[in-house]
Amino acid sequence: MNTTRAIGIDIGGSRLRAALIDASGTILARCETTTLAQAGPEAVIAQVFDLVDQIAPKAERTALAGVGVACPGPLDTDTGRAMGIPTLAGWNDIPIARMIEAALGLPVRLENDGIAAAIGEWKFGAGRGLQHLAYITVSTGIGGGVVLDGKPLHGRMGMAGHVGHMTIVPDGTACPCGNRGCWEAYASGTAFGQRIAQSVGGNPKSIFAAARTGDAAALKLVAEEADWLGIGIANLLHLYSPDCVVIGGGISNGFDLLQPGIDARIQRNAMTAFRKVPIVVAGLGENAGLIGAAAMVF
């Protein structure tokens, strides 16, 4: 068996990605498609098989170390089961790791997508060489993963790192998880987009572009988003005391605009000893989960 190459799979509610990755974190081949999110787990497994077949035909798979799968939660990664994923219809108590293993004929490791991305950034990206790392992805929702003392933090059933669902406003705005006042309900790309729609219209990408031209309304919206992000990040600093916080996801495309406001809120909310922790943009971009998933099987 050649342990220097593995398959990374990133199952998202919108996009499904697969890549052939070597032990240095280099992507050797990559492909993606639109996830059949409402068609049930069997349909998505068939998509996984088709993507893997493109980058690693069956005759070549016996030479691979295995397959790492990054998937949104909730998951029980101890048993390899999906436990009711809101963005994927029918993924309730499904043995997803075993199903993919049977389809591909390779050993499979299942991981929460936030933790997988944290592993990718820790091993090969913006957190390389650090012992303590907090990673957040800010896009449709807010996910995350934590590395402490040189080890990914998993917790019961591998469900640690659901940072988007810490309450920051008691009885506040409704969150898709069923709670009210979650960080995700205020600072996610979806929440940012809703504020934009209610204010000047457009989307986060157009607002970032307008802010770069000095547009006052856009700058105000960006400052508000940065403030909500800073509130949650200050909490993460107190909880985990990381060497750095890495921000990925679609909203990180405006990190240069958001950083001053994030830092300002941290200076107000964090205790003095935590204020100098760097907040940095992800180094691997949208490939963090793919690379982290593959890294789990080396």
Protein backbone atom coordinates (compact mmCIF):
# COMPACT_ATOMS: atom_id res chain seq x y z
CA MET A 1 0.00 0.00 0.00
CA ASN A 2 1.24 3.46 -0.90
CA THR A 3 0.66 5.57 2.22
CA THR A 4 1.77 8.78 0.53
CA ARG A 5 -1.55 9.44 -1.23
CA ALA A 6 -5.16 9.50 -0.03
CA ILE A 7 -8.60 10.65 -1.11
CA GLY A 8 -10.22 13.62 0.56
CA ILE A 9 -13.98 14.11 0.20
CA ASP A 10 -15.87 17.21 1.31
CA ILE A 11 -19.65 16.73 1.42
CA GLY A 12 -21.50 20.03 1.59
CA GLY A 13 -25.13 20.97 1.33
CA SER A 14 -24.39 22.80 -1.95
CA ARG A 15 -21.14 21.38 -3.34
CA LEU A 16 -19.53 17.93 -3.27
CA ARG A 17 -15.76 17.81 -3.76
CA ALA A 18 -13.16 15.05 -4.04
CA ALA A 19 -9.40 15.23 -4.38
CA LEU A 20 -6.34 13.02 -4.59
CA ILE A 21 -3.85 14.41 -2.08
CA ASP A 22 -0.30 13.49 -1.14
CA ALA A 23 1.28 13.43 2.33
CA SER A 24 2.62 16.98 1.91
CA GLY A 25 -0.94 18.32 1.49
CA THR A 26 -0.58 18.88 -2.25
CA ILE A 27 -3.70 18.35 -4.36
CA LEU A 28 -2.79 16.07 -7.27
CA ALA A 29 -6.26 15.92 -8.83
CA ARG A 30 -9.59 17.48 -7.92
CA CYS A 31 -13.19 17.52 -9.10
CA GLU A 32 -16.55 18.67 -7.80
CA THR A 33 -20.26 18.74 -8.53
CA THR A 34 -23.52 20.05 -7.14
CA THR A 35 -24.66 17.94 -4.19
CA LEU A 36 -27.96 16.10 -4.66
CA ALA A 37 -28.81 17.27 -1.17
CA GLN A 38 -32.53 16.44 -1.30
CA ALA A 39 -32.17 13.06 -3.01
CA GLY A 40 -31.08 11.02 0.02
CA PRO A 41 -27.78 9.44 1.11
CA GLU A 42 -27.66 6.72 -1.57
CA ALA A 43 -27.76 9.33 -4.35
CA VAL A 44 -24.92 11.30 -2.76
CA ILE A 45 -22.85 8.14 -2.25
CA ALA A 46 -23.27 7.45 -5.98
CA GLN A 47 -21.97 10.96 -6.66
CA VAL A 48 -18.99 10.32 -4.39
CA PHE A 49 -18.21 7.15 -6.32
CA ASP A 50 -18.36 8.97 -9.65
CA LEU A 51 -16.05 11.77 -8.46
CA VAL A 52 -13.52 9.36 -6.99
CA ASP A 53 -13.60 7.32 -10.18
CA GLN A 54 -12.49 10.42 -12.07
CA ILE A 55 -9.46 11.13 -9.89
CA ALA A 56 -8.54 7.57 -8.86
CA PRO A 57 -9.90 4.78 -11.08
CA LYS A 58 -10.61 1.45 -9.37
CA ALA A 59 -7.38 -0.16 -10.58
CA GLU A 60 -5.35 2.53 -8.78
CA ARG A 61 -7.22 2.57 -5.47
CA THR A 62 -5.44 -0.36 -3.82
CA ALA A 63 -2.31 1.81 -3.74
CA LEU A 64 -3.99 4.50 -1.60
CA ALA A 65 -3.84 4.95 2.17
CA GLY A 66 -7.60 5.40 2.41
CA VAL A 67 -10.39 7.98 2.30
CA GLY A 68 -11.09 10.86 4.65
CA VAL A 69 -14.61 12.32 4.53
CA ALA A 70 -15.49 15.78 5.80
CA CYS A 71 -19.21 16.23 6.38
CA PRO A 72 -21.44 18.73 8.18
CA GLY A 73 -22.82 17.62 11.52
CA PRO A 74 -24.20 16.42 13.67
CA LEU A 75 -22.17 13.25 13.26
CA ASP A 76 -21.10 10.41 15.53
CA THR A 77 -17.57 10.07 14.24
CA ASP A 78 -16.85 7.26 16.74
CA THR A 79 -19.29 5.03 14.84
CA GLY A 80 -19.13 6.77 11.45
CA ARG A 81 -22.79 7.78 11.41
CA ALA A 82 -24.65 10.89 10.28
CA MET A 83 -27.10 11.89 13.00
CA GLY A 84 -29.61 14.14 11.24
CA ILE A 85 -27.82 16.68 9.04
CA PRO A 86 -30.16 19.65 8.42
CA THR A 87 -28.79 20.42 4.93
CA LEU A 88 -28.91 16.82 3.64
CA ALA A 89 -32.34 15.17 3.40
CA GLY A 90 -32.64 11.71 4.91
CA TRP A 91 -29.25 11.69 6.62
CA ASN A 92 -30.63 10.60 9.98
CA ASP A 93 -28.76 7.80 11.79
CA ILE A 94 -27.09 6.70 8.56
CA PRO A 95 -23.83 4.64 8.61
CA ILE A 96 -22.22 6.95 6.09
CA ALA A 97 -18.61 5.82 6.65
CA ARG A 98 -19.51 2.17 6.12
CA MET A 99 -21.55 3.01 3.00
CA ILE A 100 -18.68 4.92 1.39
CA GLU A 101 -16.23 2.19 2.40
CA ALA A 102 -18.40 -0.39 0.65
CA ALA A 103 -18.73 1.76 -2.47
CA LEU A 104 -15.00 2.49 -2.83
CA GLY A 105 -13.36 -0.57 -1.31
CA LEU A 106 -11.09 1.56 0.89
CA PRO A 107 -10.94 2.30 4.63
CA VAL A 108 -12.85 5.49 5.50
CA ARG A 109 -12.47 8.05 8.28
CA LEU A 110 -15.44 10.36 8.87
CA GLU A 111 -14.93 13.80 10.39
CA ASN A 112 -16.99 16.91 11.05
CA ASP A 113 -16.21 19.39 8.28
CA GLY A 114 -15.16 22.13 10.71
CA ILE A 115 -12.70 19.85 12.49
CA ALA A 116 -11.38 18.53 9.16
CA ALA A 117 -10.74 22.10 7.96
CA ALA A 118 -9.04 22.90 11.26
CA ILE A 119 -6.76 19.89 10.75
CA GLY A 120 -5.97 21.03 7.21
CA GLU A 121 -5.03 24.54 8.33
CA TRP A 122 -3.07 23.18 11.31
CA LYS A 123 -1.02 20.72 9.28
CA PHE A 124 -0.60 22.58 5.98
CA GLY A 125 -2.11 26.08 6.18
CA ALA A 126 -2.17 29.22 8.30
CA GLY A 127 -1.74 27.30 11.57
CA ARG A 128 1.14 25.08 10.50
CA GLY A 129 3.53 24.32 13.33
CA LEU A 130 1.24 25.64 16.11
CA GLN A 131 0.17 23.67 19.18
CA HIS A 132 -3.11 25.50 19.77
CA LEU A 133 -5.49 26.65 17.03
CA ALA A 134 -9.11 27.74 16.71
CA TYR A 135 -10.58 27.61 13.21
CA ILE A 136 -13.92 29.09 12.15
CA THR A 137 -15.62 28.94 8.79
CA VAL A 138 -18.11 31.73 8.12
CA SER A 139 -20.38 31.09 5.16
CA THR A 140 -24.00 29.88 5.11
CA GLY A 141 -23.56 29.13 8.80
CA ILE A 142 -20.64 29.19 11.22
CA GLY A 143 -18.68 26.03 11.89
CA GLY A 144 -15.36 25.38 13.48
CA GLY A 145 -12.73 23.11 14.90
CA VAL A 146 -10.11 23.36 17.61
CA VAL A 147 -6.59 21.99 18.05
CA LEU A 148 -5.30 22.00 21.63
CA ASP A 149 -1.93 20.76 22.88
CA GLY A 150 -1.12 19.48 19.41
CA LYS A 151 -4.27 17.35 19.11
CA PRO A 152 -7.63 17.97 17.38
CA LEU A 153 -10.39 18.39 19.95
CA HIS A 154 -13.20 15.89 19.39
CA GLY A 155 -15.25 15.49 22.56
CA ARG A 156 -18.26 13.21 22.99
CA MET A 157 -19.21 11.52 19.69
CA GLY A 158 -16.66 13.75 17.94
CA MET A 159 -19.04 16.72 18.14
CA ALA A 160 -16.77 19.38 19.66
CA GLY A 161 -16.38 22.67 17.82
CA HIS A 162 -19.99 23.64 17.04
CA VAL A 163 -18.96 27.19 17.84
CA GLY A 164 -21.67 28.82 15.75
CA HIS A 165 -24.28 27.67 18.25
CA MET A 166 -23.00 29.40 21.36
CA THR A 167 -25.63 31.88 22.52
CA ILE A 168 -24.51 35.51 22.31
CA VAL A 169 -27.96 37.18 22.64
CA PRO A 170 -30.36 35.50 25.10
CA ASP A 171 -33.72 34.80 23.43
CA GLY A 172 -32.46 36.60 20.32
CA THR A 173 -32.88 35.93 16.61
CA ALA A 174 -34.03 32.42 15.69
CA CYS A 175 -31.30 30.06 14.45
CA PRO A 176 -31.86 27.11 12.08
CA CYS A 177 -30.68 24.80 14.88
CA GLY A 178 -33.83 25.61 16.89
CA ASN A 179 -32.19 27.86 19.47
CA ARG A 180 -32.44 31.63 19.59
CA GLY A 181 -29.54 34.05 19.79
CA CYS A 182 -26.80 31.82 18.37
CA TRP A 183 -23.62 33.43 17.03
CA GLU A 184 -24.51 31.92 13.64
CA ALA A 185 -27.82 33.80 13.65
CA TYR A 186 -25.93 37.11 13.83
CA ALA A 187 -22.51 36.67 12.22
CA SER A 188 -22.91 34.05 9.47
CA GLY A 189 -22.88 34.94 5.80
CA THR A 190 -26.62 34.30 5.77
CA ALA A 191 -27.22 36.78 8.59
CA PHE A 192 -24.93 39.33 6.93
CA GLY A 193 -26.83 38.86 3.67
CA GLN A 194 -30.15 39.42 5.41
CA ARG A 195 -28.96 42.71 6.91
CA ILE A 196 -27.72 43.78 3.48
CA ALA A 197 -31.07 42.92 1.86
CA GLN A 198 -32.95 44.89 4.51
CA SER A 199 -30.64 47.87 4.11
CA VAL A 200 -29.24 48.67 0.65
CA GLY A 201 -29.73 45.44 -1.27
CA GLY A 202 -27.04 43.24 -2.80
CA ASN A 203 -24.97 40.51 -1.22
CA PRO A 204 -21.75 40.19 0.81
CA LYS A 205 -19.58 40.15 -2.33
CA SER A 206 -21.12 43.37 -3.69
CA ILE A 207 -20.94 45.04 -0.27
CA PHE A 208 -17.25 44.19 0.10
CA ALA A 209 -16.65 45.65 -3.37
CA ALA A 210 -18.56 48.82 -2.50
CA ALA A 211 -16.76 49.17 0.82
CA ARG A 212 -13.42 49.10 -1.00
CA THR A 213 -14.54 52.18 -2.93
CA GLY A 214 -15.37 53.99 0.32
CA ASP A 215 -19.16 53.66 0.12
CA ALA A 216 -20.46 54.77 3.53
CA ALA A 217 -23.46 52.42 3.71
CA ALA A 218 -21.32 49.43 2.74
CA LEU A 219 -18.65 50.34 5.28
CA LYS A 220 -21.32 50.53 8.00
CA LEU A 221 -22.62 47.05 7.12
CA VAL A 222 -19.08 45.62 7.09
CA ALA A 223 -18.37 47.21 10.48
CA GLU A 224 -21.51 45.62 11.92
CA GLU A 225 -20.55 42.19 10.59
CA ALA A 226 -17.02 42.57 11.96
CA ASP A 227 -18.40 43.48 15.38
CA TRP A 228 -20.57 40.36 15.56
CA LEU A 229 -17.61 38.23 14.48
CA GLY A 230 -15.41 39.86 17.10
CA ILE A 231 -17.90 39.10 19.88
CA GLY A 232 -17.77 35.38 19.15
CA ILE A 233 -14.03 35.27 18.55
CA ALA A 234 -13.37 36.93 21.91
CA ASN A 235 -15.36 34.09 23.51
CA LEU A 236 -13.22 31.53 21.67
CA LEU A 237 -10.05 33.20 22.95
CA HIS A 238 -11.26 32.82 26.53
CA LEU A 239 -12.45 29.25 26.03
CA TYR A 240 -9.47 27.76 24.19
CA SER A 241 -6.49 30.16 24.51
CA PRO A 242 -5.25 29.42 20.97
CA ASP A 243 -1.98 30.57 19.41
CA CYS A 244 -4.11 32.02 16.62
CA VAL A 245 -7.65 32.07 15.24
CA VAL A 246 -8.01 31.16 11.56
CA ILE A 247 -11.02 32.40 9.59
CA GLY A 248 -12.18 30.60 6.46
CA GLY A 249 -15.39 30.37 4.46
CA GLY A 250 -16.87 32.76 1.92
CA ILE A 251 -16.97 35.75 4.27
CA SER A 252 -13.19 35.51 4.71
CA ASN A 253 -12.89 36.98 1.19
CA GLY A 254 -13.52 40.32 2.88
CA PHE A 255 -11.12 39.67 5.76
CA ASP A 256 -9.00 42.75 5.04
CA LEU A 257 -12.11 44.89 5.54
CA LEU A 258 -13.38 42.97 8.55
CA GLN A 259 -10.14 42.67 10.50
CA PRO A 260 -10.05 46.20 11.99
CA GLY A 261 -13.56 45.83 13.41
CA ILE A 262 -12.88 42.30 14.68
CA ASP A 263 -9.73 43.51 16.42
CA ALA A 264 -11.53 46.51 17.92
CA ARG A 265 -14.22 44.30 19.47
CA ILE A 266 -11.62 41.89 20.81
CA GLN A 267 -9.80 44.78 22.47
CA ARG A 268 -13.06 45.71 24.22
CA ASN A 269 -14.26 42.22 25.16
CA ALA A 270 -11.18 40.08 25.75
CA MET A 271 -9.12 40.07 28.91
CA THR A 272 -5.75 41.72 28.49
CA ALA A 273 -3.76 38.48 28.27
CA PHE A 274 -5.81 37.34 25.25
CA ARG A 275 -5.79 40.52 23.16
CA LYS A 276 -2.59 39.89 21.22
CA VAL A 277 -3.64 36.55 19.72
CA PRO A 278 -3.46 36.96 15.92
CA ILE A 279 -6.63 36.59 13.86
CA VAL A 280 -5.63 35.41 10.38
CA VAL A 281 -7.27 34.37 7.13
CA ALA A 282 -7.21 30.69 6.13
CA GLY A 283 -4.29 29.64 3.98
CA LEU A 284 -5.98 26.76 2.14
CA GLY A 285 -9.22 28.50 1.17
CA GLU A 286 -12.06 26.17 0.19
CA ASN A 287 -9.66 23.21 0.10
CA ALA A 288 -9.03 23.15 3.86
CA GLY A 289 -11.66 20.46 4.50
CA LEU A 290 -10.49 18.30 1.60
CA ILE A 291 -6.87 18.44 2.66
CA GLY A 292 -7.68 17.94 6.34
CA ALA A 293 -9.89 14.95 5.55
CA ALA A 294 -7.11 13.27 3.59
CA ALA A 295 -4.57 14.08 6.32
CA MET A 296 -6.58 11.98 8.79
CA VAL A 297 -5.74 8.74 7.01
CA PHE A 298 -1.98 9.20 6.61
